[in-house]
Amino acid sequence: MKTKSIKQKILFKTSPHEVYDALMDSKKHTKFTGATAKISRNINGKFSVYDGYAFGKNLELVPDKKIVQTWRASDWEEGINSQVVFEITPAKNGCTLIFTQTDVPDKHFSSIKQGWVDFYWVPMKKMFEIVKK
């Protein structure tokens, strides 16, 4: 099966800790996505987000700096998994998130790539703006 990789760079006007927490805390994740999230904070722990649409397990966790997970969508063919890496670094007036997802099936690539923007980065930015007000 043909696959592609996604790489996105996002600037958030908040701390690396807040970004890490939004991605790894079930309640905060549920809040900014508007959909149920159950996320383990342990290596090899499982996660399920967007009411079970996407799920996987934690491969590497470096608090406030890096998250590496297996990731798959419920509408993908059985046995197909991708990997996501969230790398968070301090930046002027906030932090930078470098997001990479490898092994995305070609037929799902466009919707997954745009989905990260529409369902993650945009609502996360809005959540951080509201918190600061």
N, C-alpha and C. Protein backbone atom coordinates (compact mmCIF):
# COMPACT_ATOMS: atom_id res chain seq x y z
N MET A 1 0.85 -1.19 0.00
CA MET A 1 0.00 0.00 0.00
C MET A 1 0.89 1.25 0.00
N LYS A 2 0.52 2.20 -0.82
CA LYS A 2 1.27 3.44 -0.92
C LYS A 2 0.92 4.37 0.25
N THR A 3 1.96 4.95 0.86
CA THR A 3 1.74 5.86 1.99
C THR A 3 2.50 7.16 1.78
N LYS A 4 2.12 8.16 2.56
CA LYS A 4 2.76 9.46 2.53
C LYS A 4 3.01 9.94 3.95
N SER A 5 3.80 11.01 4.07
CA SER A 5 4.07 11.63 5.37
C SER A 5 3.54 13.05 5.40
N ILE A 6 3.12 13.46 6.58
CA ILE A 6 2.63 14.82 6.82
C ILE A 6 3.63 15.50 7.75
N LYS A 7 3.96 16.74 7.44
CA LYS A 7 4.81 17.53 8.35
C LYS A 7 4.20 18.92 8.43
N GLN A 8 3.92 19.36 9.66
CA GLN A 8 3.31 20.67 9.87
C GLN A 8 4.03 21.37 11.02
N LYS A 9 4.14 22.69 10.90
CA LYS A 9 4.77 23.51 11.93
C LYS A 9 3.74 24.53 12.40
N ILE A 10 3.50 24.55 13.72
CA ILE A 10 2.48 25.41 14.28
C ILE A 10 3.08 26.23 15.42
N LEU A 11 2.79 27.52 15.43
CA LEU A 11 3.23 28.39 16.52
C LEU A 11 2.05 28.63 17.44
N PHE A 12 2.24 28.35 18.73
CA PHE A 12 1.21 28.59 19.72
C PHE A 12 1.68 29.69 20.67
N LYS A 13 0.77 30.57 21.05
CA LYS A 13 1.10 31.65 21.98
C LYS A 13 0.84 31.18 23.41
N THR A 14 1.54 30.12 23.78
CA THR A 14 1.46 29.56 25.13
C THR A 14 2.71 28.75 25.39
N SER A 15 2.81 28.19 26.55
CA SER A 15 4.02 27.46 26.93
C SER A 15 4.05 26.04 26.36
N PRO A 16 5.24 25.45 26.24
CA PRO A 16 5.33 24.05 25.83
C PRO A 16 4.52 23.13 26.76
N HIS A 17 4.51 23.45 28.04
CA HIS A 17 3.74 22.63 28.99
C HIS A 17 2.26 22.61 28.64
N GLU A 18 1.70 23.78 28.31
CA GLU A 18 0.28 23.85 27.98
C GLU A 18 -0.06 23.06 26.72
N VAL A 19 0.81 23.10 25.72
CA VAL A 19 0.58 22.33 24.49
C VAL A 19 0.65 20.84 24.78
N TYR A 20 1.69 20.43 25.48
CA TYR A 20 1.84 19.01 25.86
C TYR A 20 0.61 18.54 26.63
N ASP A 21 0.20 19.33 27.60
CA ASP A 21 -0.95 18.97 28.42
C ASP A 21 -2.24 18.87 27.61
N ALA A 22 -2.44 19.78 26.68
CA ALA A 22 -3.65 19.74 25.84
C ALA A 22 -3.70 18.44 25.04
N LEU A 23 -2.54 17.97 24.60
CA LEU A 23 -2.49 16.73 23.82
C LEU A 23 -2.59 15.47 24.67
N MET A 24 -2.11 15.54 25.92
CA MET A 24 -1.99 14.33 26.75
C MET A 24 -3.00 14.23 27.90
N ASP A 25 -3.70 15.29 28.21
CA ASP A 25 -4.69 15.27 29.29
C ASP A 25 -6.07 15.00 28.70
N SER A 26 -6.70 13.93 29.13
CA SER A 26 -8.00 13.53 28.55
C SER A 26 -9.04 14.65 28.63
N LYS A 27 -9.14 15.33 29.76
CA LYS A 27 -10.14 16.38 29.93
C LYS A 27 -9.85 17.59 29.03
N LYS A 28 -8.60 18.02 29.00
CA LYS A 28 -8.25 19.18 28.15
C LYS A 28 -8.40 18.84 26.67
N HIS A 29 -8.02 17.63 26.29
CA HIS A 29 -8.15 17.18 24.90
C HIS A 29 -9.62 17.16 24.49
N THR A 30 -10.46 16.62 25.38
CA THR A 30 -11.90 16.60 25.13
C THR A 30 -12.44 18.01 24.99
N LYS A 31 -11.95 18.92 25.83
CA LYS A 31 -12.43 20.30 25.80
C LYS A 31 -12.14 20.99 24.47
N PHE A 32 -10.90 20.91 23.97
CA PHE A 32 -10.62 21.66 22.75
C PHE A 32 -11.14 20.97 21.49
N THR A 33 -11.32 19.64 21.52
CA THR A 33 -11.84 18.96 20.32
C THR A 33 -13.36 18.87 20.33
N GLY A 34 -13.96 18.91 21.53
CA GLY A 34 -15.40 18.74 21.61
C GLY A 34 -15.83 17.29 21.47
N ALA A 35 -14.88 16.36 21.54
CA ALA A 35 -15.17 14.93 21.41
C ALA A 35 -14.40 14.17 22.50
N THR A 36 -14.94 13.04 22.91
CA THR A 36 -14.37 12.27 23.99
C THR A 36 -12.94 11.80 23.69
N ALA A 37 -12.06 12.00 24.68
CA ALA A 37 -10.68 11.53 24.60
C ALA A 37 -10.35 10.76 25.87
N LYS A 38 -9.69 9.62 25.70
CA LYS A 38 -9.19 8.83 26.83
C LYS A 38 -7.72 8.58 26.53
N ILE A 39 -6.84 9.21 27.32
CA ILE A 39 -5.41 9.20 27.01
C ILE A 39 -4.60 8.76 28.21
N SER A 40 -3.83 7.70 28.05
CA SER A 40 -2.90 7.27 29.08
C SER A 40 -1.67 8.15 29.01
N ARG A 41 -1.08 8.42 30.16
CA ARG A 41 0.16 9.20 30.21
C ARG A 41 1.37 8.30 30.42
N ASN A 42 1.22 7.01 30.13
CA ASN A 42 2.29 6.03 30.33
C ASN A 42 2.83 5.50 29.00
N ILE A 43 4.12 5.15 28.99
CA ILE A 43 4.70 4.48 27.83
C ILE A 43 3.96 3.16 27.64
N ASN A 44 3.62 2.84 26.41
CA ASN A 44 2.82 1.67 26.02
C ASN A 44 1.36 1.79 26.44
N GLY A 45 0.99 2.92 27.05
CA GLY A 45 -0.41 3.15 27.40
C GLY A 45 -1.19 3.51 26.14
N LYS A 46 -2.46 3.21 26.16
CA LYS A 46 -3.31 3.43 24.98
C LYS A 46 -4.03 4.77 25.05
N PHE A 47 -4.43 5.24 23.87
CA PHE A 47 -5.27 6.44 23.79
C PHE A 47 -6.36 6.21 22.76
N SER A 48 -7.45 6.93 22.93
CA SER A 48 -8.55 6.95 21.99
C SER A 48 -9.07 8.38 21.98
N VAL A 49 -9.18 8.98 20.80
CA VAL A 49 -9.63 10.37 20.69
C VAL A 49 -10.74 10.49 19.64
N TYR A 50 -11.40 11.62 19.69
CA TYR A 50 -12.51 11.88 18.77
C TYR A 50 -13.56 10.78 18.81
N ASP A 51 -14.03 10.50 20.04
CA ASP A 51 -15.08 9.50 20.25
C ASP A 51 -14.70 8.14 19.65
N GLY A 52 -13.41 7.81 19.70
CA GLY A 52 -12.95 6.52 19.20
C GLY A 52 -12.54 6.50 17.74
N TYR A 53 -12.61 7.64 17.07
CA TYR A 53 -12.22 7.68 15.65
C TYR A 53 -10.75 7.33 15.45
N ALA A 54 -9.88 7.87 16.31
CA ALA A 54 -8.44 7.61 16.20
C ALA A 54 -7.95 7.01 17.51
N PHE A 55 -7.00 6.08 17.39
CA PHE A 55 -6.49 5.41 18.58
C PHE A 55 -5.10 4.86 18.33
N GLY A 56 -4.42 4.51 19.41
CA GLY A 56 -3.08 3.96 19.30
C GLY A 56 -2.45 3.83 20.66
N LYS A 57 -1.11 3.86 20.69
CA LYS A 57 -0.43 3.77 21.99
C LYS A 57 0.80 4.66 22.01
N ASN A 58 1.20 5.01 23.21
CA ASN A 58 2.34 5.89 23.44
C ASN A 58 3.64 5.09 23.33
N LEU A 59 4.55 5.56 22.47
CA LEU A 59 5.84 4.91 22.31
C LEU A 59 6.94 5.65 23.07
N GLU A 60 6.85 6.99 23.10
CA GLU A 60 7.85 7.81 23.78
C GLU A 60 7.16 9.06 24.31
N LEU A 61 7.43 9.40 25.56
CA LEU A 61 6.86 10.59 26.18
C LEU A 61 7.96 11.34 26.91
N VAL A 62 8.21 12.57 26.50
CA VAL A 62 9.15 13.45 27.19
C VAL A 62 8.34 14.68 27.57
N PRO A 63 7.91 14.76 28.84
CA PRO A 63 7.01 15.85 29.25
C PRO A 63 7.45 17.22 28.74
N ASP A 64 6.47 17.91 28.15
CA ASP A 64 6.62 19.28 27.64
C ASP A 64 7.54 19.38 26.43
N LYS A 65 8.01 18.26 25.88
CA LYS A 65 8.93 18.30 24.75
C LYS A 65 8.56 17.40 23.58
N LYS A 66 8.15 16.16 23.86
CA LYS A 66 7.98 15.22 22.75
C LYS A 66 6.96 14.12 23.08
N ILE A 67 6.15 13.79 22.08
CA ILE A 67 5.18 12.69 22.16
C ILE A 67 5.35 11.88 20.88
N VAL A 68 5.52 10.57 21.02
CA VAL A 68 5.58 9.67 19.86
C VAL A 68 4.52 8.59 20.10
N GLN A 69 3.64 8.39 19.12
CA GLN A 69 2.55 7.44 19.26
C GLN A 69 2.32 6.66 17.97
N THR A 70 1.83 5.43 18.12
CA THR A 70 1.24 4.76 16.97
C THR A 70 -0.13 5.42 16.80
N TRP A 71 -0.64 5.47 15.60
CA TRP A 71 -1.90 6.18 15.36
C TRP A 71 -2.61 5.51 14.19
N ARG A 72 -3.89 5.29 14.35
CA ARG A 72 -4.70 4.82 13.23
C ARG A 72 -6.12 5.33 13.37
N ALA A 73 -6.77 5.45 12.24
CA ALA A 73 -8.17 5.88 12.21
C ALA A 73 -9.06 4.65 12.09
N SER A 74 -10.23 4.73 12.68
CA SER A 74 -11.14 3.59 12.69
C SER A 74 -11.64 3.21 11.30
N ASP A 75 -11.57 4.13 10.33
CA ASP A 75 -12.03 3.80 8.97
C ASP A 75 -10.90 3.31 8.06
N TRP A 76 -9.71 3.10 8.63
CA TRP A 76 -8.60 2.55 7.85
C TRP A 76 -8.72 1.03 7.80
N GLU A 77 -8.11 0.44 6.79
CA GLU A 77 -8.10 -1.00 6.66
C GLU A 77 -7.39 -1.61 7.89
N GLU A 78 -7.84 -2.78 8.29
CA GLU A 78 -7.26 -3.46 9.45
C GLU A 78 -5.75 -3.67 9.27
N GLY A 79 -5.00 -3.45 10.34
CA GLY A 79 -3.56 -3.68 10.30
C GLY A 79 -2.73 -2.51 9.79
N ILE A 80 -3.39 -1.44 9.37
CA ILE A 80 -2.67 -0.26 8.88
C ILE A 80 -2.49 0.71 10.05
N ASN A 81 -1.24 1.04 10.35
CA ASN A 81 -0.92 1.97 11.43
C ASN A 81 0.05 3.02 10.92
N SER A 82 -0.07 4.21 11.47
CA SER A 82 0.90 5.26 11.19
C SER A 82 1.57 5.63 12.50
N GLN A 83 2.51 6.54 12.43
CA GLN A 83 3.17 7.02 13.64
C GLN A 83 3.10 8.54 13.63
N VAL A 84 2.80 9.12 14.79
CA VAL A 84 2.79 10.57 14.94
C VAL A 84 3.87 10.99 15.92
N VAL A 85 4.50 12.13 15.63
CA VAL A 85 5.50 12.72 16.52
C VAL A 85 5.15 14.18 16.70
N PHE A 86 5.03 14.59 17.96
CA PHE A 86 4.80 15.98 18.32
C PHE A 86 6.07 16.44 19.01
N GLU A 87 6.80 17.39 18.42
CA GLU A 87 8.01 17.94 19.02
C GLU A 87 7.74 19.40 19.38
N ILE A 88 7.86 19.72 20.66
CA ILE A 88 7.50 21.04 21.17
C ILE A 88 8.75 21.75 21.67
N THR A 89 8.98 22.96 21.16
CA THR A 89 10.15 23.72 21.58
C THR A 89 9.74 25.16 21.92
N PRO A 90 10.40 25.75 22.91
CA PRO A 90 10.11 27.15 23.23
C PRO A 90 10.42 28.05 22.03
N ALA A 91 9.64 29.10 21.90
CA ALA A 91 9.85 30.09 20.84
C ALA A 91 9.50 31.45 21.40
N LYS A 92 9.87 32.49 20.68
CA LYS A 92 9.53 33.83 21.12
C LYS A 92 8.01 33.95 21.21
N ASN A 93 7.52 34.43 22.32
CA ASN A 93 6.08 34.61 22.55
C ASN A 93 5.28 33.31 22.56
N GLY A 94 5.92 32.17 22.88
CA GLY A 94 5.16 30.92 22.94
C GLY A 94 6.01 29.70 22.69
N CYS A 95 5.51 28.83 21.82
CA CYS A 95 6.27 27.63 21.48
C CYS A 95 5.92 27.19 20.07
N THR A 96 6.79 26.36 19.53
CA THR A 96 6.60 25.79 18.20
C THR A 96 6.34 24.30 18.34
N LEU A 97 5.37 23.82 17.61
CA LEU A 97 5.09 22.40 17.54
C LEU A 97 5.43 21.94 16.13
N ILE A 98 6.34 20.98 16.03
CA ILE A 98 6.62 20.33 14.75
C ILE A 98 5.89 19.00 14.81
N PHE A 99 4.93 18.84 13.93
CA PHE A 99 4.12 17.62 13.89
C PHE A 99 4.49 16.82 12.65
N THR A 100 4.75 15.53 12.84
CA THR A 100 5.06 14.63 11.73
C THR A 100 4.21 13.38 11.87
N GLN A 101 3.61 12.97 10.78
CA GLN A 101 2.88 11.70 10.75
C GLN A 101 3.36 10.92 9.54
N THR A 102 3.86 9.71 9.78
CA THR A 102 4.37 8.87 8.70
C THR A 102 3.41 7.70 8.44
N ASP A 103 3.56 7.12 7.27
CA ASP A 103 2.78 5.94 6.87
C ASP A 103 1.28 6.18 6.81
N VAL A 104 0.89 7.35 6.32
CA VAL A 104 -0.53 7.66 6.12
C VAL A 104 -0.94 7.07 4.76
N PRO A 105 -1.95 6.19 4.74
CA PRO A 105 -2.38 5.62 3.45
C PRO A 105 -2.73 6.72 2.45
N ASP A 106 -2.25 6.57 1.25
CA ASP A 106 -2.42 7.57 0.20
C ASP A 106 -3.87 8.01 0.05
N LYS A 107 -4.80 7.07 0.10
CA LYS A 107 -6.21 7.43 -0.13
C LYS A 107 -6.81 8.25 1.01
N HIS A 108 -6.16 8.27 2.18
CA HIS A 108 -6.66 9.06 3.32
C HIS A 108 -5.81 10.31 3.56
N PHE A 109 -4.74 10.48 2.79
CA PHE A 109 -3.76 11.52 3.06
C PHE A 109 -4.37 12.93 3.12
N SER A 110 -5.10 13.35 2.12
CA SER A 110 -5.64 14.72 2.07
C SER A 110 -6.55 15.02 3.26
N SER A 111 -7.45 14.10 3.57
CA SER A 111 -8.39 14.36 4.66
C SER A 111 -7.69 14.35 6.02
N ILE A 112 -6.71 13.47 6.21
CA ILE A 112 -5.98 13.43 7.48
C ILE A 112 -5.14 14.70 7.63
N LYS A 113 -4.44 15.08 6.57
CA LYS A 113 -3.59 16.29 6.62
C LYS A 113 -4.42 17.52 6.98
N GLN A 114 -5.56 17.71 6.33
CA GLN A 114 -6.41 18.86 6.62
C GLN A 114 -7.09 18.71 7.97
N GLY A 115 -7.37 17.48 8.36
CA GLY A 115 -8.02 17.22 9.65
C GLY A 115 -7.19 17.70 10.84
N TRP A 116 -5.87 17.54 10.75
CA TRP A 116 -5.02 18.03 11.84
C TRP A 116 -5.16 19.55 11.99
N VAL A 117 -5.24 20.26 10.89
CA VAL A 117 -5.40 21.72 10.94
C VAL A 117 -6.78 22.08 11.50
N ASP A 118 -7.83 21.50 10.91
CA ASP A 118 -9.20 21.87 11.27
C ASP A 118 -9.62 21.41 12.67
N PHE A 119 -9.19 20.21 13.07
CA PHE A 119 -9.68 19.62 14.30
C PHE A 119 -8.70 19.65 15.46
N TYR A 120 -7.45 20.08 15.19
CA TYR A 120 -6.46 20.17 16.26
C TYR A 120 -5.87 21.57 16.38
N TRP A 121 -5.14 22.01 15.37
CA TRP A 121 -4.37 23.26 15.52
C TRP A 121 -5.28 24.48 15.68
N VAL A 122 -6.31 24.60 14.88
CA VAL A 122 -7.21 25.76 14.99
C VAL A 122 -7.93 25.78 16.34
N PRO A 123 -8.58 24.68 16.76
CA PRO A 123 -9.25 24.74 18.07
C PRO A 123 -8.28 24.86 19.26
N MET A 124 -7.07 24.30 19.15
CA MET A 124 -6.09 24.47 20.23
C MET A 124 -5.71 25.94 20.37
N LYS A 125 -5.46 26.60 19.23
CA LYS A 125 -5.12 28.02 19.28
C LYS A 125 -6.24 28.82 19.92
N LYS A 126 -7.49 28.51 19.57
CA LYS A 126 -8.64 29.22 20.15
C LYS A 126 -8.72 28.98 21.65
N MET A 127 -8.47 27.75 22.09
CA MET A 127 -8.52 27.44 23.51
C MET A 127 -7.48 28.25 24.28
N PHE A 128 -6.27 28.35 23.73
CA PHE A 128 -5.22 29.10 24.42
C PHE A 128 -5.54 30.59 24.44
N GLU A 129 -6.17 31.11 23.40
CA GLU A 129 -6.54 32.54 23.38
C GLU A 129 -7.59 32.82 24.45
N ILE A 130 -8.57 31.92 24.59
CA ILE A 130 -9.63 32.10 25.57
C ILE A 130 -9.06 32.04 26.98
N VAL A 131 -8.15 31.11 27.23
CA VAL A 131 -7.55 30.95 28.55
C VAL A 131 -6.79 32.22 28.95
N LYS A 132 -6.12 32.87 28.01
CA LYS A 132 -5.31 34.05 28.32
C LYS A 132 -6.15 35.30 28.57
N LYS A 133 -7.39 35.32 28.11
CA LYS A 133 -8.23 36.51 28.26
C LYS A 133 -8.76 36.64 29.68
